[in-house]
N, C-alpha and C. Protein backbone atom coordinates (compact mmCIF):
# COMPACT_ATOMS: atom_id res chain seq x y z
N MET A 1 -11.84 -18.41 3.78
CA MET A 1 -10.56 -17.78 3.40
C MET A 1 -10.73 -16.27 3.29
N MET A 2 -9.73 -15.57 3.76
CA MET A 2 -9.79 -14.12 3.75
C MET A 2 -9.42 -13.58 2.37
N ALA A 3 -10.08 -12.48 1.98
CA ALA A 3 -9.75 -11.85 0.70
C ALA A 3 -8.33 -11.30 0.77
N ARG A 4 -7.74 -11.10 -0.40
CA ARG A 4 -6.40 -10.56 -0.45
C ARG A 4 -6.42 -9.31 -1.32
N LEU A 5 -5.53 -8.38 -1.00
CA LEU A 5 -5.43 -7.12 -1.72
C LEU A 5 -4.08 -7.03 -2.41
N LYS A 6 -4.10 -6.69 -3.68
CA LYS A 6 -2.86 -6.45 -4.42
C LYS A 6 -2.64 -4.95 -4.44
N VAL A 7 -1.54 -4.51 -3.82
CA VAL A 7 -1.24 -3.10 -3.67
C VAL A 7 -0.03 -2.77 -4.52
N THR A 8 -0.18 -1.81 -5.43
CA THR A 8 0.91 -1.40 -6.33
C THR A 8 1.20 0.07 -6.12
N GLN A 9 2.48 0.40 -5.91
CA GLN A 9 2.86 1.81 -5.75
C GLN A 9 2.89 2.47 -7.12
N LYS A 10 2.16 3.59 -7.27
CA LYS A 10 2.08 4.29 -8.55
C LYS A 10 2.78 5.64 -8.54
N LYS A 11 2.98 6.20 -7.35
CA LYS A 11 3.63 7.50 -7.25
C LYS A 11 4.69 7.46 -6.17
N SER A 12 5.62 8.39 -6.26
CA SER A 12 6.72 8.47 -5.30
C SER A 12 6.24 8.99 -3.95
N GLY A 13 6.84 8.49 -2.89
CA GLY A 13 6.55 8.98 -1.55
C GLY A 13 7.41 10.17 -1.16
N ILE A 14 8.29 10.62 -2.04
CA ILE A 14 9.26 11.66 -1.70
C ILE A 14 8.59 12.94 -1.21
N GLY A 15 7.52 13.37 -1.87
CA GLY A 15 6.88 14.63 -1.49
C GLY A 15 5.98 14.52 -0.28
N GLY A 16 5.74 13.30 0.20
CA GLY A 16 4.80 13.11 1.30
C GLY A 16 5.46 13.29 2.65
N THR A 17 4.65 13.10 3.68
CA THR A 17 5.19 13.21 5.04
C THR A 17 6.02 11.96 5.37
N SER A 18 6.79 12.06 6.43
CA SER A 18 7.61 10.91 6.81
C SER A 18 6.72 9.74 7.21
N SER A 19 5.57 10.00 7.81
CA SER A 19 4.69 8.89 8.18
C SER A 19 4.13 8.19 6.95
N GLN A 20 3.89 8.95 5.87
CA GLN A 20 3.44 8.32 4.63
C GLN A 20 4.54 7.46 4.03
N ARG A 21 5.78 7.94 4.06
CA ARG A 21 6.90 7.14 3.56
C ARG A 21 7.08 5.88 4.40
N ASN A 22 6.93 6.03 5.73
CA ASN A 22 7.04 4.87 6.61
C ASN A 22 5.93 3.86 6.35
N THR A 23 4.74 4.36 6.03
CA THR A 23 3.62 3.47 5.74
C THR A 23 3.88 2.68 4.47
N LEU A 24 4.41 3.34 3.44
CA LEU A 24 4.76 2.62 2.20
C LEU A 24 5.76 1.51 2.51
N ARG A 25 6.79 1.84 3.30
CA ARG A 25 7.81 0.86 3.64
C ARG A 25 7.21 -0.29 4.46
N SER A 26 6.30 0.03 5.36
CA SER A 26 5.66 -1.00 6.18
C SER A 26 4.81 -1.94 5.33
N LEU A 27 4.25 -1.41 4.25
CA LEU A 27 3.48 -2.25 3.34
C LEU A 27 4.40 -3.12 2.48
N GLY A 28 5.70 -2.80 2.46
CA GLY A 28 6.65 -3.58 1.68
C GLY A 28 6.93 -2.96 0.32
N LEU A 29 6.55 -1.69 0.14
CA LEU A 29 6.76 -1.00 -1.13
C LEU A 29 7.98 -0.11 -1.03
N LYS A 30 8.92 -0.29 -1.96
CA LYS A 30 10.16 0.48 -1.92
C LYS A 30 10.28 1.45 -3.08
N ARG A 31 9.67 1.12 -4.22
CA ARG A 31 9.82 1.99 -5.39
C ARG A 31 8.57 1.92 -6.24
N ILE A 32 8.45 2.87 -7.15
CA ILE A 32 7.30 2.91 -8.05
C ILE A 32 7.27 1.61 -8.86
N GLY A 33 6.09 1.01 -8.95
CA GLY A 33 5.93 -0.23 -9.69
C GLY A 33 5.98 -1.46 -8.80
N ASP A 34 6.45 -1.32 -7.57
CA ASP A 34 6.46 -2.46 -6.65
C ASP A 34 5.04 -2.91 -6.34
N THR A 35 4.84 -4.21 -6.25
CA THR A 35 3.52 -4.77 -5.94
C THR A 35 3.66 -5.77 -4.80
N VAL A 36 2.73 -5.71 -3.85
CA VAL A 36 2.67 -6.68 -2.77
C VAL A 36 1.23 -7.18 -2.66
N VAL A 37 1.08 -8.41 -2.14
CA VAL A 37 -0.25 -8.95 -1.89
C VAL A 37 -0.39 -9.12 -0.38
N LYS A 38 -1.43 -8.50 0.17
CA LYS A 38 -1.65 -8.50 1.62
C LYS A 38 -3.02 -9.05 1.94
N GLU A 39 -3.17 -9.61 3.14
CA GLU A 39 -4.48 -10.04 3.61
C GLU A 39 -5.36 -8.80 3.80
N ASP A 40 -6.66 -8.94 3.54
CA ASP A 40 -7.59 -7.83 3.71
C ASP A 40 -8.01 -7.74 5.17
N ARG A 41 -7.23 -7.00 5.96
CA ARG A 41 -7.51 -6.83 7.38
C ARG A 41 -7.66 -5.34 7.67
N PRO A 42 -8.34 -4.99 8.76
CA PRO A 42 -8.56 -3.57 9.06
C PRO A 42 -7.27 -2.76 9.16
N GLU A 43 -6.22 -3.35 9.75
CA GLU A 43 -4.98 -2.58 9.90
C GLU A 43 -4.30 -2.33 8.55
N ILE A 44 -4.42 -3.30 7.63
CA ILE A 44 -3.87 -3.10 6.29
C ILE A 44 -4.70 -2.06 5.54
N ARG A 45 -6.03 -2.13 5.68
CA ARG A 45 -6.91 -1.13 5.06
C ARG A 45 -6.56 0.28 5.55
N GLY A 46 -6.27 0.41 6.83
CA GLY A 46 -5.91 1.71 7.38
C GLY A 46 -4.61 2.23 6.80
N MET A 47 -3.62 1.33 6.63
CA MET A 47 -2.35 1.74 6.04
C MET A 47 -2.55 2.19 4.60
N ILE A 48 -3.39 1.44 3.87
CA ILE A 48 -3.66 1.80 2.48
C ILE A 48 -4.38 3.15 2.42
N HIS A 49 -5.32 3.36 3.35
CA HIS A 49 -6.06 4.62 3.37
C HIS A 49 -5.13 5.82 3.56
N ALA A 50 -4.06 5.64 4.34
CA ALA A 50 -3.12 6.72 4.61
C ALA A 50 -2.32 7.13 3.38
N VAL A 51 -2.14 6.20 2.44
CA VAL A 51 -1.35 6.49 1.24
C VAL A 51 -2.15 6.22 -0.03
N THR A 52 -3.47 6.41 0.05
CA THR A 52 -4.36 6.05 -1.06
C THR A 52 -4.02 6.80 -2.35
N HIS A 53 -3.43 8.00 -2.22
CA HIS A 53 -3.07 8.80 -3.40
C HIS A 53 -1.78 8.31 -4.07
N LEU A 54 -1.06 7.38 -3.43
CA LEU A 54 0.21 6.89 -3.97
C LEU A 54 0.12 5.46 -4.51
N VAL A 55 -0.98 4.77 -4.22
CA VAL A 55 -1.07 3.36 -4.56
C VAL A 55 -2.35 3.06 -5.34
N VAL A 56 -2.35 1.90 -6.00
CA VAL A 56 -3.54 1.35 -6.65
C VAL A 56 -3.81 0.00 -6.01
N VAL A 57 -5.08 -0.25 -5.66
CA VAL A 57 -5.44 -1.46 -4.94
C VAL A 57 -6.42 -2.28 -5.76
N GLU A 58 -6.15 -3.59 -5.84
CA GLU A 58 -7.07 -4.52 -6.52
C GLU A 58 -7.31 -5.70 -5.59
N GLU A 59 -8.51 -6.27 -5.66
CA GLU A 59 -8.78 -7.49 -4.91
C GLU A 59 -8.38 -8.68 -5.77
N VAL A 60 -7.72 -9.66 -5.15
CA VAL A 60 -7.33 -10.88 -5.85
C VAL A 60 -7.81 -12.07 -5.04
N ASP A 61 -7.94 -13.21 -5.72
CA ASP A 61 -8.40 -14.43 -5.04
C ASP A 61 -7.22 -15.34 -4.73
């Protein structure tokens, strides 16, 4: 079974670039405090890396 990542938005995307805002939306995050659980895959890791300053990531089982 693949590991899963719990991604929580902690800061607003308003001050960021449009690609950062689009990345948040692609992850399923719309507002501060939103949390999504995603499979731990390279493409998800890359999206998280692009907005690492706006989100908090935890591994869940």
